[in-house]
Amino acid sequence: MEHTYSLIDVNKEINNLNLKFLGFDSLTNGCINLFKKLNPHINSELDLNLWNSFEKTYPETFIGMYDFWVSTEKSKI
């Protein structure tokens, strides 16, 4: 059975599983550059709330599904 998740849902699940979001796979350089231009602070590309806002403005960003990396090691910062 397939389920549709928003990036907010994905973020909640990542946190519930005590994982660390490492970034998206398969995004074009143009997409990443535009995102960084709109969100220039350090590590903004690791903020799923910012990506959620970006996707609302650019709904073609994630055609089909989210393809991303996570890690089991959460930073202690």
PDB file of N, CA and C in Angstrom:
ATOM      1  N   MET A   1       0.843  -1.178   0.000  1.00  0.00           N
ATOM      2  CA  MET A   1       0.000   0.000   0.000  1.00  0.00           C
ATOM      3  C   MET A   1       0.892   1.247   0.000  1.00  0.00           C
ATOM      4  N   GLU A   2       0.603   2.155  -0.871  1.00  0.00           N
ATOM      5  CA  GLU A   2       1.391   3.375  -0.992  1.00  0.00           C
ATOM      6  C   GLU A   2       0.807   4.475  -0.118  1.00  0.00           C
ATOM      7  N   HIS A   3       1.687   5.291   0.441  1.00  0.00           N
ATOM      8  CA  HIS A   3       1.259   6.413   1.276  1.00  0.00           C
ATOM      9  C   HIS A   3       1.983   7.666   0.807  1.00  0.00           C
ATOM     10  N   THR A   4       1.274   8.770   0.777  1.00  0.00           N
ATOM     11  CA  THR A   4       1.872  10.039   0.375  1.00  0.00           C
ATOM     12  C   THR A   4       2.307  10.806   1.612  1.00  0.00           C
ATOM     13  N   TYR A   5       3.574  11.228   1.619  1.00  0.00           N
ATOM     14  CA  TYR A   5       4.144  11.992   2.721  1.00  0.00           C
ATOM     15  C   TYR A   5       4.532  13.385   2.239  1.00  0.00           C
ATOM     16  N   SER A   6       4.345  14.369   3.082  1.00  0.00           N
ATOM     17  CA  SER A   6       4.908  15.702   2.838  1.00  0.00           C
ATOM     18  C   SER A   6       6.305  15.710   3.461  1.00  0.00           C
ATOM     19  N   LEU A   7       7.072  16.739   3.159  1.00  0.00           N
ATOM     20  CA  LEU A   7       8.387  16.846   3.792  1.00  0.00           C
ATOM     21  C   LEU A   7       8.270  17.065   5.300  1.00  0.00           C
ATOM     22  N   ILE A   8       7.188  17.656   5.736  1.00  0.00           N
ATOM     23  CA  ILE A   8       6.951  17.799   7.185  1.00  0.00           C
ATOM     24  C   ILE A   8       6.767  16.414   7.801  1.00  0.00           C
ATOM     25  N   ASP A   9       5.996  15.548   7.133  1.00  0.00           N
ATOM     26  CA  ASP A   9       5.819  14.165   7.601  1.00  0.00           C
ATOM     27  C   ASP A   9       7.145  13.415   7.626  1.00  0.00           C
ATOM     28  N   VAL A  10       7.924  13.564   6.568  1.00  0.00           N
ATOM     29  CA  VAL A  10       9.228  12.903   6.486  1.00  0.00           C
ATOM     30  C   VAL A  10      10.114  13.368   7.644  1.00  0.00           C
ATOM     31  N   ASN A  11      10.120  14.669   7.897  1.00  0.00           N
ATOM     32  CA  ASN A  11      10.931  15.222   8.984  1.00  0.00           C
ATOM     33  C   ASN A  11      10.516  14.624  10.336  1.00  0.00           C
ATOM     34  N   LYS A  12       9.219  14.501  10.556  1.00  0.00           N
ATOM     35  CA  LYS A  12       8.724  13.910  11.810  1.00  0.00           C
ATOM     36  C   LYS A  12       9.192  12.466  11.949  1.00  0.00           C
ATOM     37  N   GLU A  13       9.109  11.709  10.869  1.00  0.00           N
ATOM     38  CA  GLU A  13       9.531  10.303  10.918  1.00  0.00           C
ATOM     39  C   GLU A  13      11.031  10.176  11.145  1.00  0.00           C
ATOM     40  N   ILE A  14      11.802  11.017  10.485  1.00  0.00           N
ATOM     41  CA  ILE A  14      13.256  11.002  10.691  1.00  0.00           C
ATOM     42  C   ILE A  14      13.584  11.277  12.156  1.00  0.00           C
ATOM     43  N   ASN A  15      12.910  12.272  12.737  1.00  0.00           N
ATOM     44  CA  ASN A  15      13.134  12.590  14.150  1.00  0.00           C
ATOM     45  C   ASN A  15      12.646  11.474  15.069  1.00  0.00           C
ATOM     46  N   ASN A  16      11.477  10.881  14.759  1.00  0.00           N
ATOM     47  CA  ASN A  16      10.949   9.778  15.573  1.00  0.00           C
ATOM     48  C   ASN A  16      11.898   8.586  15.592  1.00  0.00           C
ATOM     49  N   LEU A  17      12.607   8.381  14.489  1.00  0.00           N
ATOM     50  CA  LEU A  17      13.534   7.260  14.380  1.00  0.00           C
ATOM     51  C   LEU A  17      14.947   7.624  14.839  1.00  0.00           C
ATOM     52  N   ASN A  18      15.091   8.859  15.342  1.00  0.00           N
ATOM     53  CA  ASN A  18      16.374   9.356  15.840  1.00  0.00           C
ATOM     54  C   ASN A  18      17.473   9.283  14.770  1.00  0.00           C
ATOM     55  N   LEU A  19      17.092   9.681  13.551  1.00  0.00           N
ATOM     56  CA  LEU A  19      18.023   9.711  12.437  1.00  0.00           C
ATOM     57  C   LEU A  19      18.423  11.139  12.131  1.00  0.00           C
ATOM     58  N   LYS A  20      19.461  11.283  11.342  1.00  0.00           N
ATOM     59  CA  LYS A  20      19.950  12.586  10.906  1.00  0.00           C
ATOM     60  C   LYS A  20      19.768  12.689   9.393  1.00  0.00           C
ATOM     61  N   PHE A  21      19.105  13.738   8.932  1.00  0.00           N
ATOM     62  CA  PHE A  21      18.925  13.972   7.503  1.00  0.00           C
ATOM     63  C   PHE A  21      20.233  14.463   6.914  1.00  0.00           C
ATOM     64  N   LEU A  22      20.700  13.791   5.836  1.00  0.00           N
ATOM     65  CA  LEU A  22      21.981  14.130   5.223  1.00  0.00           C
ATOM     66  C   LEU A  22      21.841  14.875   3.901  1.00  0.00           C
ATOM     67  N   GLY A  23      20.663  14.862   3.332  1.00  0.00           N
ATOM     68  CA  GLY A  23      20.455  15.585   2.082  1.00  0.00           C
ATOM     69  C   GLY A  23      19.725  14.758   1.041  1.00  0.00           C
ATOM     70  N   PHE A  24      19.353  15.435  -0.022  1.00  0.00           N
ATOM     71  CA  PHE A  24      18.638  14.801  -1.123  1.00  0.00           C
ATOM     72  C   PHE A  24      19.594  14.266  -2.166  1.00  0.00           C
ATOM     73  N   ASP A  25      19.161  13.242  -2.840  1.00  0.00           N
ATOM     74  CA  ASP A  25      19.875  12.657  -3.961  1.00  0.00           C
ATOM     75  C   ASP A  25      19.053  12.971  -5.214  1.00  0.00           C
ATOM     76  N   SER A  26      19.690  13.085  -6.320  1.00  0.00           N
ATOM     77  CA  SER A  26      19.009  13.241  -7.616  1.00  0.00           C
ATOM     78  C   SER A  26      18.433  14.624  -7.899  1.00  0.00           C
ATOM     79  N   LEU A  27      18.762  15.639  -7.131  1.00  0.00           N
ATOM     80  CA  LEU A  27      18.341  16.996  -7.489  1.00  0.00           C
ATOM     81  C   LEU A  27      19.366  17.595  -8.435  1.00  0.00           C
ATOM     82  N   THR A  28      18.903  18.399  -9.372  1.00  0.00           N
ATOM     83  CA  THR A  28      19.833  19.027 -10.305  1.00  0.00           C
ATOM     84  C   THR A  28      20.634  20.120  -9.606  1.00  0.00           C
ATOM     85  N   ASN A  29      21.795  20.419 -10.157  1.00  0.00           N
ATOM     86  CA  ASN A  29      22.597  21.516  -9.614  1.00  0.00           C
ATOM     87  C   ASN A  29      21.836  22.826  -9.677  1.00  0.00           C
ATOM     88  N   GLY A  30      21.055  23.021 -10.749  1.00  0.00           N
ATOM     89  CA  GLY A  30      20.260  24.242 -10.875  1.00  0.00           C
ATOM     90  C   GLY A  30      19.247  24.382  -9.751  1.00  0.00           C
ATOM     91  N   CYS A  31      18.627  23.292  -9.381  1.00  0.00           N
ATOM     92  CA  CYS A  31      17.649  23.294  -8.288  1.00  0.00           C
ATOM     93  C   CYS A  31      18.339  23.619  -6.964  1.00  0.00           C
ATOM     94  N   ILE A  32      19.440  22.972  -6.704  1.00  0.00           N
ATOM     95  CA  ILE A  32      20.174  23.208  -5.458  1.00  0.00           C
ATOM     96  C   ILE A  32      20.691  24.640  -5.398  1.00  0.00           C
ATOM     97  N   ASN A  33      21.204  25.138  -6.518  1.00  0.00           N
ATOM     98  CA  ASN A  33      21.702  26.517  -6.559  1.00  0.00           C
ATOM     99  C   ASN A  33      20.590  27.521  -6.292  1.00  0.00           C
ATOM    100  N   LEU A  34      19.412  27.297  -6.868  1.00  0.00           N
ATOM    101  CA  LEU A  34      18.279  28.190  -6.620  1.00  0.00           C
ATOM    102  C   LEU A  34      17.872  28.132  -5.146  1.00  0.00           C
ATOM    103  N   PHE A  35      17.814  26.929  -4.598  1.00  0.00           N
ATOM    104  CA  PHE A  35      17.473  26.781  -3.185  1.00  0.00           C
ATOM    105  C   PHE A  35      18.464  27.542  -2.313  1.00  0.00           C
ATOM    106  N   LYS A  36      19.762  27.373  -2.583  1.00  0.00           N
ATOM    107  CA  LYS A  36      20.792  28.054  -1.785  1.00  0.00           C
ATOM    108  C   LYS A  36      20.760  29.569  -1.974  1.00  0.00           C
ATOM    109  N   LYS A  37      20.372  30.032  -3.154  1.00  0.00           N
ATOM    110  CA  LYS A  37      20.237  31.469  -3.380  1.00  0.00           C
ATOM    111  C   LYS A  37      19.107  32.034  -2.517  1.00  0.00           C
ATOM    112  N   LEU A  38      18.029  31.281  -2.398  1.00  0.00           N
ATOM    113  CA  LEU A  38      16.884  31.714  -1.587  1.00  0.00           C
ATOM    114  C   LEU A  38      17.090  31.471  -0.092  1.00  0.00           C
ATOM    115  N   ASN A  39      17.966  30.532   0.239  1.00  0.00           N
ATOM    116  CA  ASN A  39      18.234  30.148   1.634  1.00  0.00           C
ATOM    117  C   ASN A  39      19.744  30.064   1.835  1.00  0.00           C
ATOM    118  N   PRO A  40      20.417  31.219   1.900  1.00  0.00           N
ATOM    119  CA  PRO A  40      21.881  31.235   1.843  1.00  0.00           C
ATOM    120  C   PRO A  40      22.618  30.865   3.136  1.00  0.00           C
ATOM    121  N   HIS A  41      21.926  30.642   4.232  1.00  0.00           N
ATOM    122  CA  HIS A  41      22.664  30.362   5.464  1.00  0.00           C
ATOM    123  C   HIS A  41      23.283  28.960   5.448  1.00  0.00           C
ATOM    124  N   ILE A  42      24.273  28.775   6.277  1.00  0.00           N
ATOM    125  CA  ILE A  42      25.037  27.533   6.343  1.00  0.00           C
ATOM    126  C   ILE A  42      24.107  26.355   6.655  1.00  0.00           C
ATOM    127  N   ASN A  43      24.272  25.293   5.889  1.00  0.00           N
ATOM    128  CA  ASN A  43      23.526  24.043   6.056  1.00  0.00           C
ATOM    129  C   ASN A  43      22.019  24.170   5.837  1.00  0.00           C
ATOM    130  N   SER A  44      21.581  25.208   5.143  1.00  0.00           N
ATOM    131  CA  SER A  44      20.148  25.350   4.875  1.00  0.00           C
ATOM    132  C   SER A  44      19.613  24.157   4.084  1.00  0.00           C
ATOM    133  N   GLU A  45      20.464  23.523   3.285  1.00  0.00           N
ATOM    134  CA  GLU A  45      20.033  22.380   2.481  1.00  0.00           C
ATOM    135  C   GLU A  45      19.688  21.158   3.330  1.00  0.00           C
ATOM    136  N   LEU A  46      19.966  21.219   4.622  1.00  0.00           N
ATOM    137  CA  LEU A  46      19.634  20.127   5.535  1.00  0.00           C
ATOM    138  C   LEU A  46      18.367  20.396   6.341  1.00  0.00           C
ATOM    139  N   ASP A  47      17.684  21.490   6.040  1.00  0.00           N
ATOM    140  CA  ASP A  47      16.477  21.893   6.765  1.00  0.00           C
ATOM    141  C   ASP A  47      15.237  21.518   5.948  1.00  0.00           C
ATOM    142  N   LEU A  48      14.556  20.467   6.373  1.00  0.00           N
ATOM    143  CA  LEU A  48      13.394  19.996   5.623  1.00  0.00           C
ATOM    144  C   LEU A  48      12.227  20.975   5.657  1.00  0.00           C
ATOM    145  N   ASN A  49      12.154  21.820   6.666  1.00  0.00           N
ATOM    146  CA  ASN A  49      11.114  22.855   6.675  1.00  0.00           C
ATOM    147  C   ASN A  49      11.337  23.859   5.551  1.00  0.00           C
ATOM    148  N   LEU A  50      12.598  24.208   5.302  1.00  0.00           N
ATOM    149  CA  LEU A  50      12.908  25.106   4.189  1.00  0.00           C
ATOM    150  C   LEU A  50      12.613  24.439   2.854  1.00  0.00           C
ATOM    151  N   TRP A  51      12.936  23.161   2.729  1.00  0.00           N
ATOM    152  CA  TRP A  51      12.627  22.442   1.497  1.00  0.00           C
ATOM    153  C   TRP A  51      11.119  22.332   1.289  1.00  0.00           C
ATOM    154  N   ASN A  52      10.371  22.192   2.351  1.00  0.00           N
ATOM    155  CA  ASN A  52       8.911  22.143   2.241  1.00  0.00           C
ATOM    156  C   ASN A  52       8.383  23.452   1.653  1.00  0.00           C
ATOM    157  N   SER A  53       8.885  24.573   2.147  1.00  0.00           N
ATOM    158  CA  SER A  53       8.486  25.880   1.601  1.00  0.00           C
ATOM    159  C   SER A  53       8.908  26.019   0.146  1.00  0.00           C
ATOM    160  N   PHE A  54      10.108  25.565  -0.165  1.00  0.00           N
ATOM    161  CA  PHE A  54      10.618  25.625  -1.538  1.00  0.00           C
ATOM    162  C   PHE A  54       9.730  24.800  -2.472  1.00  0.00           C
ATOM    163  N   GLU A  55       9.342  23.617  -2.017  1.00  0.00           N
ATOM    164  CA  GLU A  55       8.499  22.751  -2.840  1.00  0.00           C
ATOM    165  C   GLU A  55       7.126  23.377  -3.096  1.00  0.00           C
ATOM    166  N   LYS A  56       6.609  24.115  -2.140  1.00  0.00           N
ATOM    167  CA  LYS A  56       5.316  24.789  -2.350  1.00  0.00           C
ATOM    168  C   LYS A  56       5.418  25.841  -3.452  1.00  0.00           C
ATOM    169  N   THR A  57       6.571  26.503  -3.521  1.00  0.00           N
ATOM    170  CA  THR A  57       6.802  27.511  -4.561  1.00  0.00           C
ATOM    171  C   THR A  57       7.153  26.854  -5.894  1.00  0.00           C
ATOM    172  N   TYR A  58       7.904  25.765  -5.834  1.00  0.00           N
ATOM    173  CA  TYR A  58       8.370  25.044  -7.026  1.00  0.00           C
ATOM    174  C   TYR A  58       7.916  23.585  -6.931  1.00  0.00           C
ATOM    175  N   PRO A  59       6.636  23.315  -7.207  1.00  0.00           N
ATOM    176  CA  PRO A  59       6.091  21.966  -6.984  1.00  0.00           C
ATOM    177  C   PRO A  59       6.690  20.865  -7.864  1.00  0.00           C
ATOM    178  N   GLU A  60       7.421  21.221  -8.897  1.00  0.00           N
ATOM    179  CA  GLU A  60       8.047  20.214  -9.759  1.00  0.00           C
ATOM    180  C   GLU A  60       9.376  19.711  -9.191  1.00  0.00           C
ATOM    181  N   THR A  61       9.796  20.256  -8.065  1.00  0.00           N
ATOM    182  CA  THR A  61      11.107  19.929  -7.497  1.00  0.00           C
ATOM    183  C   THR A  61      11.283  18.430  -7.285  1.00  0.00           C
ATOM    184  N   PHE A  62      10.317  17.792  -6.683  1.00  0.00           N
ATOM    185  CA  PHE A  62      10.415  16.370  -6.353  1.00  0.00           C
ATOM    186  C   PHE A  62       9.349  15.607  -7.137  1.00  0.00           C
ATOM    187  N   ILE A  63       9.620  15.391  -8.409  1.00  0.00           N
ATOM    188  CA  ILE A  63       8.641  14.696  -9.249  1.00  0.00           C
ATOM    189  C   ILE A  63       8.657  13.220  -8.882  1.00  0.00           C
ATOM    190  N   GLY A  64       7.528  12.736  -8.435  1.00  0.00           N
ATOM    191  CA  GLY A  64       7.400  11.309  -8.129  1.00  0.00           C
ATOM    192  C   GLY A  64       7.629  10.949  -6.679  1.00  0.00           C
ATOM    193  N   MET A  65       8.824  11.236  -6.161  1.00  0.00           N
ATOM    194  CA  MET A  65       9.107  10.852  -4.773  1.00  0.00           C
ATOM    195  C   MET A  65      10.311  11.623  -4.242  1.00  0.00           C
ATOM    196  N   TYR A  66      10.458  11.567  -2.937  1.00  0.00           N
ATOM    197  CA  TYR A  66      11.629  12.134  -2.279  1.00  0.00           C
ATOM    198  C   TYR A  66      12.720  11.076  -2.255  1.00  0.00           C
ATOM    199  N   ASP A  67      13.902  11.449  -2.662  1.00  0.00           N
ATOM    200  CA  ASP A  67      15.054  10.549  -2.684  1.00  0.00           C
ATOM    201  C   ASP A  67      16.132  11.199  -1.823  1.00  0.00           C
ATOM    202  N   PHE A  68      16.381  10.635  -0.634  1.00  0.00           N
ATOM    203  CA  PHE A  68      17.271  11.300   0.314  1.00  0.00           C
ATOM    204  C   PHE A  68      18.080  10.296   1.115  1.00  0.00           C
ATOM    205  N   TRP A  69      19.071  10.828   1.821  1.00  0.00           N
ATOM    206  CA  TRP A  69      19.957  10.042   2.674  1.00  0.00           C
ATOM    207  C   TRP A  69      19.750  10.423   4.137  1.00  0.00           C
ATOM    208  N   VAL A  70      19.848   9.427   5.000  1.00  0.00           N
ATOM    209  CA  VAL A  70      19.833   9.653   6.450  1.00  0.00           C
ATOM    210  C   VAL A  70      20.963   8.838   7.076  1.00  0.00           C
ATOM    211  N   SER A  71      21.268   9.177   8.322  1.00  0.00           N
ATOM    212  CA  SER A  71      22.299   8.466   9.070  1.00  0.00           C
ATOM    213  C   SER A  71      21.761   8.115  10.441  1.00  0.00           C
ATOM    214  N   THR A  72      22.292   7.057  11.007  1.00  0.00           N
ATOM    215  CA  THR A  72      21.890   6.671  12.357  1.00  0.00           C
ATOM    216  C   THR A  72      22.603   7.483  13.424  1.00  0.00           C
ATOM    217  N   GLU A  73      23.644   8.181  13.043  1.00  0.00           N
ATOM    218  CA  GLU A  73      24.397   8.971  14.010  1.00  0.00           C
ATOM    219  C   GLU A  73      23.906  10.409  14.028  1.00  0.00           C
ATOM    220  N   LYS A  74      23.205  10.780  15.083  1.00  0.00           N
ATOM    221  CA  LYS A  74      22.745  12.153  15.243  1.00  0.00           C
ATOM    222  C   LYS A  74      23.809  12.971  15.932  1.00  0.00           C
ATOM    223  N   SER A  75      24.008  14.183  15.479  1.00  0.00           N
ATOM    224  CA  SER A  75      25.002  15.070  16.068  1.00  0.00           C
ATOM    225  C   SER A  75      24.625  15.417  17.502  1.00  0.00           C
ATOM    226  N   LYS A  76      25.612  15.578  18.343  1.00  0.00           N
ATOM    227  CA  LYS A  76      25.363  15.938  19.734  1.00  0.00           C
ATOM    228  C   LYS A  76      25.528  17.428  19.980  1.00  0.00           C
ATOM    229  N   ILE A  77      25.454  18.208  18.925  1.00  0.00           N
ATOM    230  CA  ILE A  77      25.614  19.667  19.037  1.00  0.00           C
ATOM    231  C   ILE A  77      24.364  20.274  19.624  1.00  0.00           C
TER     232      ILE A  77
END
